[in-house]
Amino acid sequence: MPPRPAQPHPAQPLPAPPSPGPPSDENDRSITGQIARALAQRIVAGVLLPGAPIRQDRVAEEFRASHVPVREAFRKLEAQGLVVSEPRRGVRVAPIDPAPRMPTLMMSS
């Protein structure tokens, strides 16, 4: 008996291409990304000092945005360790931790 030809499989949809994932902070052109980058730059440059409050309503007004992208930007900055969120107190610039700088200081002496 001759071999049977293979039965064609029913057409299956192709799997969706892998999503590129969340945009990196540098390439995030959303209003949330713009706010997060601007605030991060101010924190790193020392314009916003450790412990300084960052008011959601003022940031929203400055960027002409709603409060939602501002809150999302705050969450990004908190994940990066640049701000701390305190219940019923708002968001503040995170304190500077001198520990990561200690090895550098000791190596240069």
N, C-alpha and C. Protein backbone atom coordinates (compact mmCIF):
# COMPACT_ATOMS: atom_id res chain seq x y z
N MET A 1 0.83 -1.16 0.00
CA MET A 1 0.00 0.00 0.00
C MET A 1 0.88 1.25 0.00
N PRO A 2 0.63 2.16 -0.93
CA PRO A 2 1.45 3.37 -0.99
C PRO A 2 1.19 4.27 0.22
N PRO A 3 2.23 5.04 0.65
CA PRO A 3 2.01 5.92 1.80
C PRO A 3 0.97 6.99 1.49
N ARG A 4 0.22 7.32 2.52
CA ARG A 4 -0.82 8.35 2.36
C ARG A 4 -0.17 9.73 2.37
N PRO A 5 -0.64 10.59 1.50
CA PRO A 5 -0.09 11.95 1.53
C PRO A 5 -0.50 12.62 2.85
N ALA A 6 0.38 13.43 3.35
CA ALA A 6 0.10 14.11 4.61
C ALA A 6 -1.10 15.02 4.44
N GLN A 7 -1.94 14.98 5.44
CA GLN A 7 -3.12 15.84 5.42
C GLN A 7 -2.69 17.27 5.72
N PRO A 8 -3.14 18.20 4.94
CA PRO A 8 -2.78 19.58 5.25
C PRO A 8 -3.42 19.98 6.57
N HIS A 9 -2.65 20.69 7.37
CA HIS A 9 -3.18 21.17 8.64
C HIS A 9 -4.09 22.36 8.37
N PRO A 10 -5.13 22.47 9.18
CA PRO A 10 -5.98 23.64 8.97
C PRO A 10 -5.13 24.90 9.19
N ALA A 11 -5.45 25.90 8.44
CA ALA A 11 -4.69 27.15 8.53
C ALA A 11 -4.78 27.70 9.94
N GLN A 12 -3.65 27.96 10.50
CA GLN A 12 -3.60 28.56 11.83
C GLN A 12 -3.08 29.97 11.68
N PRO A 13 -3.65 30.88 12.45
CA PRO A 13 -3.14 32.25 12.35
C PRO A 13 -1.70 32.31 12.84
N LEU A 14 -0.95 33.15 12.22
CA LEU A 14 0.43 33.34 12.64
C LEU A 14 0.45 34.00 14.02
N PRO A 15 1.41 33.62 14.83
CA PRO A 15 1.48 34.27 16.13
C PRO A 15 1.83 35.75 15.96
N ALA A 16 1.36 36.54 16.87
CA ALA A 16 1.65 37.97 16.81
C ALA A 16 3.14 38.18 17.01
N PRO A 17 3.69 39.17 16.34
CA PRO A 17 5.12 39.43 16.54
C PRO A 17 5.36 39.86 17.99
N PRO A 18 6.54 39.57 18.51
CA PRO A 18 6.80 39.95 19.89
C PRO A 18 6.71 41.46 20.03
N SER A 19 6.11 41.88 21.13
CA SER A 19 5.99 43.32 21.34
C SER A 19 7.37 43.87 21.69
N PRO A 20 7.62 45.09 21.29
CA PRO A 20 8.94 45.65 21.56
C PRO A 20 9.15 45.95 23.03
N GLY A 21 8.12 45.78 23.84
CA GLY A 21 8.25 46.05 25.27
C GLY A 21 8.09 47.52 25.53
N PRO A 22 8.17 47.88 26.79
CA PRO A 22 8.01 49.29 27.10
C PRO A 22 9.18 50.09 26.55
N PRO A 23 8.89 51.32 26.13
CA PRO A 23 9.98 52.10 25.57
C PRO A 23 11.02 52.42 26.64
N SER A 24 12.27 52.51 26.22
CA SER A 24 13.29 52.89 27.19
C SER A 24 13.06 54.34 27.56
N ASP A 25 13.55 54.73 28.70
CA ASP A 25 13.32 56.09 29.17
C ASP A 25 13.83 57.13 28.17
N GLU A 26 14.94 56.84 27.50
CA GLU A 26 15.50 57.80 26.57
C GLU A 26 14.62 57.96 25.33
N ASN A 27 13.99 56.88 24.90
CA ASN A 27 13.20 56.92 23.68
C ASN A 27 11.72 57.14 23.93
N ASP A 28 11.32 57.24 25.17
CA ASP A 28 9.91 57.41 25.50
C ASP A 28 9.51 58.85 25.20
N ARG A 29 8.76 59.02 24.12
CA ARG A 29 8.34 60.36 23.71
C ARG A 29 6.97 60.74 24.27
N SER A 30 6.39 59.87 25.09
CA SER A 30 5.09 60.17 25.67
C SER A 30 5.23 61.33 26.65
N ILE A 31 4.12 61.92 27.00
CA ILE A 31 4.15 63.02 27.96
C ILE A 31 4.68 62.52 29.30
N THR A 32 4.34 61.28 29.67
CA THR A 32 4.87 60.69 30.89
C THR A 32 6.40 60.63 30.84
N GLY A 33 6.94 60.16 29.72
CA GLY A 33 8.39 60.08 29.56
C GLY A 33 9.04 61.45 29.59
N GLN A 34 8.41 62.43 28.96
CA GLN A 34 8.96 63.78 28.94
C GLN A 34 9.01 64.36 30.36
N ILE A 35 7.94 64.16 31.12
CA ILE A 35 7.89 64.67 32.49
C ILE A 35 8.95 63.97 33.34
N ALA A 36 9.02 62.64 33.24
CA ALA A 36 9.99 61.88 34.05
C ALA A 36 11.41 62.31 33.73
N ARG A 37 11.75 62.48 32.44
CA ARG A 37 13.10 62.90 32.06
C ARG A 37 13.41 64.29 32.59
N ALA A 38 12.48 65.22 32.44
CA ALA A 38 12.71 66.59 32.88
C ALA A 38 12.94 66.64 34.39
N LEU A 39 12.11 65.93 35.15
CA LEU A 39 12.27 65.93 36.61
C LEU A 39 13.57 65.23 37.01
N ALA A 40 13.90 64.13 36.34
CA ALA A 40 15.14 63.41 36.65
C ALA A 40 16.34 64.31 36.41
N GLN A 41 16.33 65.05 35.31
CA GLN A 41 17.44 65.96 35.01
C GLN A 41 17.57 67.02 36.10
N ARG A 42 16.45 67.55 36.56
CA ARG A 42 16.48 68.57 37.61
C ARG A 42 17.00 68.01 38.92
N ILE A 43 16.64 66.77 39.21
CA ILE A 43 17.11 66.14 40.45
C ILE A 43 18.61 65.90 40.38
N VAL A 44 19.07 65.32 39.28
CA VAL A 44 20.48 65.01 39.12
C VAL A 44 21.33 66.28 39.10
N ALA A 45 20.81 67.35 38.50
CA ALA A 45 21.55 68.61 38.41
C ALA A 45 21.54 69.38 39.73
N GLY A 46 20.73 68.93 40.68
CA GLY A 46 20.68 69.63 41.97
C GLY A 46 19.72 70.79 42.00
N VAL A 47 18.92 70.95 40.95
CA VAL A 47 17.91 72.01 40.93
C VAL A 47 16.82 71.67 41.95
N LEU A 48 16.46 70.40 42.01
CA LEU A 48 15.53 69.91 43.03
C LEU A 48 16.37 69.19 44.09
N LEU A 49 16.37 69.72 45.28
CA LEU A 49 17.22 69.19 46.34
C LEU A 49 16.56 68.03 47.07
N PRO A 50 17.36 67.16 47.69
CA PRO A 50 16.81 66.05 48.46
C PRO A 50 15.82 66.56 49.51
N GLY A 51 14.68 65.89 49.57
CA GLY A 51 13.64 66.25 50.52
C GLY A 51 12.66 67.29 50.00
N ALA A 52 12.97 67.91 48.87
CA ALA A 52 12.07 68.93 48.32
C ALA A 52 10.78 68.28 47.82
N PRO A 53 9.64 68.87 48.17
CA PRO A 53 8.39 68.32 47.66
C PRO A 53 8.23 68.62 46.17
N ILE A 54 7.59 67.71 45.46
CA ILE A 54 7.26 67.92 44.05
C ILE A 54 5.74 67.84 43.96
N ARG A 55 5.12 68.95 43.67
CA ARG A 55 3.66 69.03 43.67
C ARG A 55 3.07 68.57 42.33
N GLN A 56 2.20 67.61 42.41
CA GLN A 56 1.58 67.04 41.22
C GLN A 56 0.85 68.09 40.41
N ASP A 57 0.10 68.97 41.07
CA ASP A 57 -0.68 69.96 40.34
C ASP A 57 0.22 70.97 39.63
N ARG A 58 1.34 71.32 40.23
CA ARG A 58 2.27 72.27 39.59
C ARG A 58 2.97 71.64 38.39
N VAL A 59 3.35 70.38 38.53
CA VAL A 59 4.00 69.69 37.41
C VAL A 59 3.00 69.55 36.26
N ALA A 60 1.76 69.18 36.57
CA ALA A 60 0.73 69.04 35.53
C ALA A 60 0.50 70.37 34.82
N GLU A 61 0.48 71.44 35.57
CA GLU A 61 0.28 72.77 34.97
C GLU A 61 1.48 73.15 34.09
N GLU A 62 2.69 72.91 34.57
CA GLU A 62 3.89 73.26 33.81
C GLU A 62 3.94 72.54 32.47
N PHE A 63 3.57 71.26 32.47
CA PHE A 63 3.63 70.46 31.24
C PHE A 63 2.31 70.44 30.48
N ARG A 64 1.35 71.20 30.98
CA ARG A 64 0.01 71.25 30.37
C ARG A 64 -0.54 69.84 30.16
N ALA A 65 -0.46 69.07 31.24
CA ALA A 65 -0.89 67.67 31.18
C ALA A 65 -1.90 67.42 32.29
N SER A 66 -2.60 66.31 32.17
CA SER A 66 -3.49 65.92 33.25
C SER A 66 -2.67 65.31 34.38
N HIS A 67 -3.32 64.98 35.45
CA HIS A 67 -2.61 64.43 36.61
C HIS A 67 -2.16 62.98 36.37
N VAL A 68 -2.79 62.28 35.45
CA VAL A 68 -2.46 60.87 35.21
C VAL A 68 -1.02 60.69 34.74
N PRO A 69 -0.57 61.38 33.69
CA PRO A 69 0.83 61.18 33.28
C PRO A 69 1.83 61.66 34.33
N VAL A 70 1.44 62.63 35.13
CA VAL A 70 2.33 63.10 36.20
C VAL A 70 2.50 62.00 37.24
N ARG A 71 1.40 61.36 37.62
CA ARG A 71 1.49 60.25 38.59
C ARG A 71 2.33 59.11 38.02
N GLU A 72 2.15 58.81 36.73
CA GLU A 72 2.94 57.75 36.10
C GLU A 72 4.43 58.13 36.09
N ALA A 73 4.74 59.39 35.83
CA ALA A 73 6.13 59.85 35.85
C ALA A 73 6.70 59.72 37.26
N PHE A 74 5.90 60.05 38.26
CA PHE A 74 6.34 59.90 39.65
C PHE A 74 6.68 58.44 39.95
N ARG A 75 5.85 57.52 39.45
CA ARG A 75 6.11 56.09 39.68
C ARG A 75 7.42 55.66 39.01
N LYS A 76 7.67 56.17 37.80
CA LYS A 76 8.93 55.85 37.12
C LYS A 76 10.12 56.35 37.94
N LEU A 77 10.02 57.58 38.41
CA LEU A 77 11.11 58.17 39.19
C LEU A 77 11.30 57.44 40.51
N GLU A 78 10.21 56.99 41.09
CA GLU A 78 10.31 56.24 42.34
C GLU A 78 11.01 54.90 42.09
N ALA A 79 10.70 54.26 40.98
CA ALA A 79 11.35 52.99 40.63
C ALA A 79 12.85 53.18 40.41
N GLN A 80 13.24 54.36 39.97
CA GLN A 80 14.65 54.67 39.74
C GLN A 80 15.34 55.15 41.02
N GLY A 81 14.55 55.33 42.08
CA GLY A 81 15.12 55.77 43.35
C GLY A 81 15.36 57.26 43.44
N LEU A 82 14.77 58.03 42.53
CA LEU A 82 14.98 59.47 42.54
C LEU A 82 13.99 60.22 43.42
N VAL A 83 12.81 59.65 43.63
CA VAL A 83 11.81 60.27 44.50
C VAL A 83 11.26 59.23 45.45
N VAL A 84 10.65 59.71 46.51
CA VAL A 84 9.93 58.83 47.44
C VAL A 84 8.51 59.35 47.56
N SER A 85 7.58 58.44 47.63
CA SER A 85 6.17 58.78 47.77
C SER A 85 5.75 58.44 49.18
N GLU A 86 5.16 59.42 49.85
CA GLU A 86 4.71 59.21 51.22
C GLU A 86 3.20 59.39 51.26
N PRO A 87 2.47 58.41 51.77
CA PRO A 87 1.01 58.52 51.84
C PRO A 87 0.59 59.81 52.55
N ARG A 88 -0.34 60.49 51.96
CA ARG A 88 -0.92 61.74 52.47
C ARG A 88 0.10 62.88 52.61
N ARG A 89 1.30 62.68 52.10
CA ARG A 89 2.31 63.75 52.15
C ARG A 89 2.82 64.10 50.76
N GLY A 90 2.58 63.23 49.80
CA GLY A 90 2.99 63.51 48.44
C GLY A 90 4.34 62.92 48.08
N VAL A 91 4.93 63.50 47.05
CA VAL A 91 6.19 63.01 46.51
C VAL A 91 7.29 64.00 46.84
N ARG A 92 8.43 63.46 47.25
CA ARG A 92 9.60 64.29 47.58
C ARG A 92 10.82 63.71 46.88
N VAL A 93 11.80 64.58 46.66
CA VAL A 93 13.06 64.12 46.09
C VAL A 93 13.71 63.20 47.12
N ALA A 94 14.19 62.07 46.66
CA ALA A 94 14.80 61.07 47.55
C ALA A 94 16.08 61.63 48.17
N PRO A 95 16.36 61.21 49.41
CA PRO A 95 17.63 61.63 50.01
C PRO A 95 18.79 60.99 49.27
N ILE A 96 19.90 61.67 49.27
CA ILE A 96 21.09 61.15 48.61
C ILE A 96 21.75 60.15 49.54
N ASP A 97 22.06 58.98 49.00
CA ASP A 97 22.72 57.95 49.79
C ASP A 97 24.21 58.02 49.49
N PRO A 98 25.04 58.44 50.45
CA PRO A 98 26.47 58.56 50.17
C PRO A 98 27.19 57.22 50.04
N ALA A 99 26.57 56.12 50.43
CA ALA A 99 27.23 54.81 50.41
C ALA A 99 27.78 54.43 49.04
N PRO A 100 27.03 54.60 47.92
CA PRO A 100 27.59 54.19 46.64
C PRO A 100 28.84 54.98 46.25
N ARG A 101 29.03 56.16 46.81
CA ARG A 101 30.19 56.98 46.45
C ARG A 101 31.42 56.63 47.28
N MET A 102 31.25 55.94 48.38
CA MET A 102 32.37 55.65 49.28
C MET A 102 33.52 54.92 48.59
N PRO A 103 33.27 53.85 47.84
CA PRO A 103 34.40 53.16 47.20
C PRO A 103 35.17 54.09 46.26
N THR A 104 34.47 54.95 45.56
CA THR A 104 35.14 55.87 44.63
C THR A 104 36.02 56.83 45.40
N LEU A 105 35.51 57.34 46.53
CA LEU A 105 36.29 58.27 47.33
C LEU A 105 37.52 57.59 47.92
N MET A 106 37.36 56.36 48.36
CA MET A 106 38.47 55.65 48.98
C MET A 106 39.52 55.28 47.93
N MET A 107 39.11 54.98 46.72
CA MET A 107 40.07 54.60 45.69
C MET A 107 40.90 55.79 45.23
N SER A 108 40.33 57.00 45.28
CA SER A 108 41.06 58.15 44.78
C SER A 108 42.07 58.67 45.80
N SER A 109 42.01 58.21 47.07
CA SER A 109 42.97 58.71 48.06
C SER A 109 44.22 57.88 48.12
